[in-house]
Amino acid sequence: MHDAVGKAGWGDWVYVMAEAHPWHRDLLAGGNASRAVIRQSMWATAMAGGYVMFYDAFETHDPTDEMLNDLRRLQQFMESTELAALAPADTLAAGDTQWVLANPKRRLYVLYAGSGAANLGVKNLAAGMYRLSWFDAADGARIERTATVERGDASFSVPPEIGAESVLYLRP
């Protein structure tokens, strides 16, 4: 999902993930057993610069309340960032980071890993003091920290309170 959205281009197009048939229909039929896959596909789309939308029903199966809550948490997290200033920048990924949204000139980064990362990091980070806003994509837990970094590649240990799907919003 992430690669497909990324190949659609950035800047001239808006990609909206909505009802990817028959894949989503089959996942919805699995109920909460498929919840993690749906959530990760939503994050994959968002981290590639696309938009995610659920509407009405997917033919015969509606998303569960938990699935819709996952989408709401994604929305709330992205609204807590300076999303309009960010662009996909996966080449900046360091450590266990899977996907990156970034604006290096403004020192803004969103880092994501969907499978039990030990640390999230970014390449060629400018030196300075940063605020680290950790987010658990599966349950919405948040942890705030600060760190002073030297110029260069930097990695930050995922706090133990953050689960397998970890997100870090890094800013000055």
C-alpha atoms as a PDB file:
ATOM      1  CA  MET A   1       0.000   0.000   0.000  1.00  0.00           C
ATOM      2  CA  HIS A   2       2.767   2.427   0.975  1.00  0.00           C
ATOM      3  CA  ASP A   3       4.788   1.802  -2.201  1.00  0.00           C
ATOM      4  CA  ALA A   4       1.724   2.071  -4.457  1.00  0.00           C
ATOM      5  CA  VAL A   5       0.741   5.429  -2.959  1.00  0.00           C
ATOM      6  CA  GLY A   6       4.329   6.652  -3.151  1.00  0.00           C
ATOM      7  CA  LYS A   7       4.526   5.765  -6.845  1.00  0.00           C
ATOM      8  CA  ALA A   8       1.422   7.853  -7.501  1.00  0.00           C
ATOM      9  CA  GLY A   9       3.592  10.932  -7.038  1.00  0.00           C
ATOM     10  CA  TRP A  10       3.721  13.729  -4.514  1.00  0.00           C
ATOM     11  CA  GLY A  11       2.562  17.288  -4.880  1.00  0.00           C
ATOM     12  CA  ASP A  12       0.437  17.123  -8.001  1.00  0.00           C
ATOM     13  CA  TRP A  13      -1.974  14.402  -6.917  1.00  0.00           C
ATOM     14  CA  VAL A  14      -4.091  13.491  -3.906  1.00  0.00           C
ATOM     15  CA  TYR A  15      -4.431   9.774  -3.222  1.00  0.00           C
ATOM     16  CA  VAL A  16      -7.417   8.629  -1.167  1.00  0.00           C
ATOM     17  CA  MET A  17      -7.520   5.051   0.097  1.00  0.00           C
ATOM     18  CA  ALA A  18     -11.199   4.147   0.184  1.00  0.00           C
ATOM     19  CA  GLU A  19     -12.612   0.665  -0.127  1.00  0.00           C
ATOM     20  CA  ALA A  20      -9.777  -1.222  -1.838  1.00  0.00           C
ATOM     21  CA  HIS A  21     -11.945  -4.052  -3.179  1.00  0.00           C
ATOM     22  CA  PRO A  22     -11.885  -6.997  -2.714  1.00  0.00           C
ATOM     23  CA  TRP A  23      -9.011  -6.807  -0.254  1.00  0.00           C
ATOM     24  CA  HIS A  24     -10.734  -4.587   2.326  1.00  0.00           C
ATOM     25  CA  ARG A  25     -14.023  -6.451   1.958  1.00  0.00           C
ATOM     26  CA  ASP A  26     -12.254  -9.716   2.799  1.00  0.00           C
ATOM     27  CA  LEU A  27     -10.440  -8.120   5.736  1.00  0.00           C
ATOM     28  CA  LEU A  28     -13.675  -6.676   7.105  1.00  0.00           C
ATOM     29  CA  ALA A  29     -15.271 -10.110   6.905  1.00  0.00           C
ATOM     30  CA  GLY A  30     -12.531 -11.240   9.293  1.00  0.00           C
ATOM     31  CA  GLY A  31     -13.662  -8.692  11.898  1.00  0.00           C
ATOM     32  CA  ASN A  32     -11.157  -7.738  14.565  1.00  0.00           C
ATOM     33  CA  ALA A  33      -8.896 -10.602  13.518  1.00  0.00           C
ATOM     34  CA  SER A  34      -8.007  -8.383  10.526  1.00  0.00           C
ATOM     35  CA  ARG A  35      -7.940  -5.130  12.475  1.00  0.00           C
ATOM     36  CA  ALA A  36      -4.128  -4.841  12.608  1.00  0.00           C
ATOM     37  CA  VAL A  37      -3.804  -5.309   8.834  1.00  0.00           C
ATOM     38  CA  ILE A  38      -6.406  -2.627   8.157  1.00  0.00           C
ATOM     39  CA  ARG A  39      -4.784  -0.252  10.663  1.00  0.00           C
ATOM     40  CA  GLN A  40      -1.345  -0.797   9.135  1.00  0.00           C
ATOM     41  CA  SER A  41      -2.719  -0.187   5.631  1.00  0.00           C
ATOM     42  CA  MET A  42      -4.196   3.109   6.853  1.00  0.00           C
ATOM     43  CA  TRP A  43      -0.820   4.148   8.309  1.00  0.00           C
ATOM     44  CA  ALA A  44       0.951   3.012   5.116  1.00  0.00           C
ATOM     45  CA  THR A  45      -1.298   5.285   3.075  1.00  0.00           C
ATOM     46  CA  ALA A  46      -0.941   8.251   5.419  1.00  0.00           C
ATOM     47  CA  MET A  47       2.848   7.907   5.651  1.00  0.00           C
ATOM     48  CA  ALA A  48       3.054   7.915   1.843  1.00  0.00           C
ATOM     49  CA  GLY A  49       1.159  11.212   1.749  1.00  0.00           C
ATOM     50  CA  GLY A  50      -2.281   9.798   0.953  1.00  0.00           C
ATOM     51  CA  TYR A  51      -5.592  10.128   2.724  1.00  0.00           C
ATOM     52  CA  VAL A  52      -7.639   7.372   4.335  1.00  0.00           C
ATOM     53  CA  MET A  53     -11.411   7.272   4.280  1.00  0.00           C
ATOM     54  CA  PHE A  54     -14.002   4.754   5.455  1.00  0.00           C
ATOM     55  CA  TYR A  55     -17.567   5.492   4.417  1.00  0.00           C
ATOM     56  CA  ASP A  56     -20.920   3.774   4.680  1.00  0.00           C
ATOM     57  CA  ALA A  57     -20.484  -0.008   4.482  1.00  0.00           C
ATOM     58  CA  PHE A  58     -18.128  -2.196   2.526  1.00  0.00           C
ATOM     59  CA  GLU A  59     -20.880  -4.135   0.791  1.00  0.00           C
ATOM     60  CA  THR A  60     -21.776  -6.771   3.416  1.00  0.00           C
ATOM     61  CA  HIS A  61     -19.463  -5.914   6.334  1.00  0.00           C
ATOM     62  CA  ASP A  62     -19.123  -2.688   8.262  1.00  0.00           C
ATOM     63  CA  PRO A  63     -15.886  -1.758  10.017  1.00  0.00           C
ATOM     64  CA  THR A  64     -16.002  -2.603  13.716  1.00  0.00           C
ATOM     65  CA  ASP A  65     -16.004   0.178  16.282  1.00  0.00           C
ATOM     66  CA  GLU A  66     -12.395  -0.739  17.078  1.00  0.00           C
ATOM     67  CA  MET A  67     -11.403  -0.320  13.420  1.00  0.00           C
ATOM     68  CA  LEU A  68     -13.070   3.076  13.263  1.00  0.00           C
ATOM     69  CA  ASN A  69     -11.333   4.041  16.516  1.00  0.00           C
ATOM     70  CA  ASP A  70      -8.007   3.143  14.879  1.00  0.00           C
ATOM     71  CA  LEU A  71      -8.838   5.508  12.026  1.00  0.00           C
ATOM     72  CA  ARG A  72      -9.841   8.236  14.489  1.00  0.00           C
ATOM     73  CA  ARG A  73      -6.536   7.847  16.373  1.00  0.00           C
ATOM     74  CA  LEU A  74      -4.635   8.165  13.091  1.00  0.00           C
ATOM     75  CA  GLN A  75      -6.584  11.324  12.303  1.00  0.00           C
ATOM     76  CA  GLN A  76      -5.994  12.812  15.754  1.00  0.00           C
ATOM     77  CA  PHE A  77      -2.297  12.005  15.653  1.00  0.00           C
ATOM     78  CA  MET A  78      -1.815  13.580  12.219  1.00  0.00           C
ATOM     79  CA  GLU A  79      -3.797  16.639  13.299  1.00  0.00           C
ATOM     80  CA  SER A  80      -1.375  17.040  16.233  1.00  0.00           C
ATOM     81  CA  THR A  81       1.526  17.405  13.758  1.00  0.00           C
ATOM     82  CA  GLU A  82       2.343  20.052  11.176  1.00  0.00           C
ATOM     83  CA  LEU A  83       1.184  17.643   8.470  1.00  0.00           C
ATOM     84  CA  ALA A  84       0.831  20.268   5.730  1.00  0.00           C
ATOM     85  CA  ALA A  85       4.569  21.002   6.050  1.00  0.00           C
ATOM     86  CA  LEU A  86       5.619  17.333   5.692  1.00  0.00           C
ATOM     87  CA  ALA A  87       6.355  15.155   2.673  1.00  0.00           C
ATOM     88  CA  PRO A  88       7.258  11.458   2.320  1.00  0.00           C
ATOM     89  CA  ALA A  89      11.001  10.941   2.850  1.00  0.00           C
ATOM     90  CA  ASP A  90      11.611   7.229   3.435  1.00  0.00           C
ATOM     91  CA  THR A  91      15.266   7.611   2.394  1.00  0.00           C
ATOM     92  CA  LEU A  92      15.826   9.363   5.744  1.00  0.00           C
ATOM     93  CA  ALA A  93      14.780   6.275   7.733  1.00  0.00           C
ATOM     94  CA  ALA A  94      17.340   5.063  10.286  1.00  0.00           C
ATOM     95  CA  GLY A  95      17.213   2.410  12.967  1.00  0.00           C
ATOM     96  CA  ASP A  96      14.046   0.320  12.734  1.00  0.00           C
ATOM     97  CA  THR A  97      12.054   3.111  11.065  1.00  0.00           C
ATOM     98  CA  GLN A  98       9.883   1.848   8.229  1.00  0.00           C
ATOM     99  CA  TRP A  99       8.431   5.098   6.839  1.00  0.00           C
ATOM    100  CA  VAL A 100       9.169   8.817   7.222  1.00  0.00           C
ATOM    101  CA  LEU A 101       7.301  12.066   6.671  1.00  0.00           C
ATOM    102  CA  ALA A 102       9.701  14.984   6.959  1.00  0.00           C
ATOM    103  CA  ASN A 103      10.577  18.613   6.505  1.00  0.00           C
ATOM    104  CA  PRO A 104      14.308  18.731   7.319  1.00  0.00           C
ATOM    105  CA  LYS A 105      14.514  22.525   6.888  1.00  0.00           C
ATOM    106  CA  ARG A 106      11.986  22.951   9.700  1.00  0.00           C
ATOM    107  CA  ARG A 107      13.365  19.931  11.631  1.00  0.00           C
ATOM    108  CA  LEU A 108       9.969  18.146  11.558  1.00  0.00           C
ATOM    109  CA  TYR A 109       9.717  14.355  11.271  1.00  0.00           C
ATOM    110  CA  VAL A 110       7.099  11.636  11.699  1.00  0.00           C
ATOM    111  CA  LEU A 111       8.660   8.167  11.951  1.00  0.00           C
ATOM    112  CA  TYR A 112       6.691   4.894  11.846  1.00  0.00           C
ATOM    113  CA  ALA A 113       7.435   1.206  12.398  1.00  0.00           C
ATOM    114  CA  GLY A 114       4.709  -1.411  12.349  1.00  0.00           C
ATOM    115  CA  SER A 115       6.394  -4.464  13.796  1.00  0.00           C
ATOM    116  CA  GLY A 116       8.025  -4.203  17.202  1.00  0.00           C
ATOM    117  CA  ALA A 117      10.822  -1.714  16.582  1.00  0.00           C
ATOM    118  CA  ALA A 118      13.486  -1.248  19.248  1.00  0.00           C
ATOM    119  CA  ASN A 119      14.309   2.260  18.041  1.00  0.00           C
ATOM    120  CA  LEU A 120      13.148   4.826  15.523  1.00  0.00           C
ATOM    121  CA  GLY A 121      15.610   7.111  13.846  1.00  0.00           C
ATOM    122  CA  VAL A 122      16.352   9.581  11.109  1.00  0.00           C
ATOM    123  CA  LYS A 123      19.440  10.153   8.959  1.00  0.00           C
ATOM    124  CA  ASN A 124      21.302  13.442   8.865  1.00  0.00           C
ATOM    125  CA  LEU A 125      19.394  15.083  11.714  1.00  0.00           C
ATOM    126  CA  ALA A 126      20.390  18.658  12.529  1.00  0.00           C
ATOM    127  CA  ALA A 127      21.909  19.172  15.963  1.00  0.00           C
ATOM    128  CA  GLY A 128      19.698  20.599  18.676  1.00  0.00           C
ATOM    129  CA  MET A 129      17.036  20.005  21.277  1.00  0.00           C
ATOM    130  CA  TYR A 130      14.008  18.010  20.092  1.00  0.00           C
ATOM    131  CA  ARG A 131      10.604  17.182  21.484  1.00  0.00           C
ATOM    132  CA  LEU A 132       9.757  13.513  21.035  1.00  0.00           C
ATOM    133  CA  SER A 133       6.053  12.665  20.963  1.00  0.00           C
ATOM    134  CA  TRP A 134       5.707   8.880  21.017  1.00  0.00           C
ATOM    135  CA  PHE A 135       2.433   7.306  19.899  1.00  0.00           C
ATOM    136  CA  ASP A 136       1.140   3.733  19.997  1.00  0.00           C
ATOM    137  CA  ALA A 137      -0.847   3.284  16.776  1.00  0.00           C
ATOM    138  CA  ALA A 138      -2.778   0.313  18.191  1.00  0.00           C
ATOM    139  CA  ASP A 139      -4.078   1.806  21.423  1.00  0.00           C
ATOM    140  CA  GLY A 140      -3.370   5.552  21.275  1.00  0.00           C
ATOM    141  CA  ALA A 141      -0.942   5.727  24.213  1.00  0.00           C
ATOM    142  CA  ARG A 142       1.233   8.846  24.130  1.00  0.00           C
ATOM    143  CA  ILE A 143       4.527   9.641  25.821  1.00  0.00           C
ATOM    144  CA  GLU A 144       6.345  12.979  25.663  1.00  0.00           C
ATOM    145  CA  ARG A 145      10.128  13.259  26.009  1.00  0.00           C
ATOM    146  CA  THR A 146      12.952  15.605  25.034  1.00  0.00           C
ATOM    147  CA  ALA A 147      16.401  14.848  23.673  1.00  0.00           C
ATOM    148  CA  THR A 148      19.487  16.771  22.671  1.00  0.00           C
ATOM    149  CA  VAL A 149      21.196  15.355  19.592  1.00  0.00           C
ATOM    150  CA  GLU A 150      24.424  15.923  17.701  1.00  0.00           C
ATOM    151  CA  ARG A 151      24.319  16.398  13.937  1.00  0.00           C
ATOM    152  CA  GLY A 152      24.093  13.136  11.981  1.00  0.00           C
ATOM    153  CA  ASP A 153      22.119   9.916  12.134  1.00  0.00           C
ATOM    154  CA  ALA A 154      20.072   9.667  15.328  1.00  0.00           C
ATOM    155  CA  SER A 155      17.998   6.862  16.831  1.00  0.00           C
ATOM    156  CA  PHE A 156      15.667   6.959  19.803  1.00  0.00           C
ATOM    157  CA  SER A 157      14.701   3.925  21.890  1.00  0.00           C
ATOM    158  CA  VAL A 158      11.000   3.112  21.758  1.00  0.00           C
ATOM    159  CA  PRO A 159       9.615   3.458  25.306  1.00  0.00           C
ATOM    160  CA  PRO A 160       8.395   0.146  26.782  1.00  0.00           C
ATOM    161  CA  GLU A 161       4.887   1.613  27.159  1.00  0.00           C
ATOM    162  CA  ILE A 162       4.613   1.931  23.383  1.00  0.00           C
ATOM    163  CA  GLY A 163       3.505  -1.251  21.627  1.00  0.00           C
ATOM    164  CA  ALA A 164       4.572  -2.968  18.420  1.00  0.00           C
ATOM    165  CA  GLU A 165       3.202  -0.235  16.122  1.00  0.00           C
ATOM    166  CA  SER A 166       5.247   2.784  17.156  1.00  0.00           C
ATOM    167  CA  VAL A 167       5.169   6.311  15.824  1.00  0.00           C
ATOM    168  CA  LEU A 168       7.435   9.226  16.731  1.00  0.00           C
ATOM    169  CA  TYR A 169       6.769  12.898  16.005  1.00  0.00           C
ATOM    170  CA  LEU A 170      10.113  14.658  16.268  1.00  0.00           C
ATOM    171  CA  ARG A 171      10.287  18.469  16.297  1.00  0.00           C
ATOM    172  CA  PRO A 172      12.310  21.331  17.787  1.00  0.00           C
END
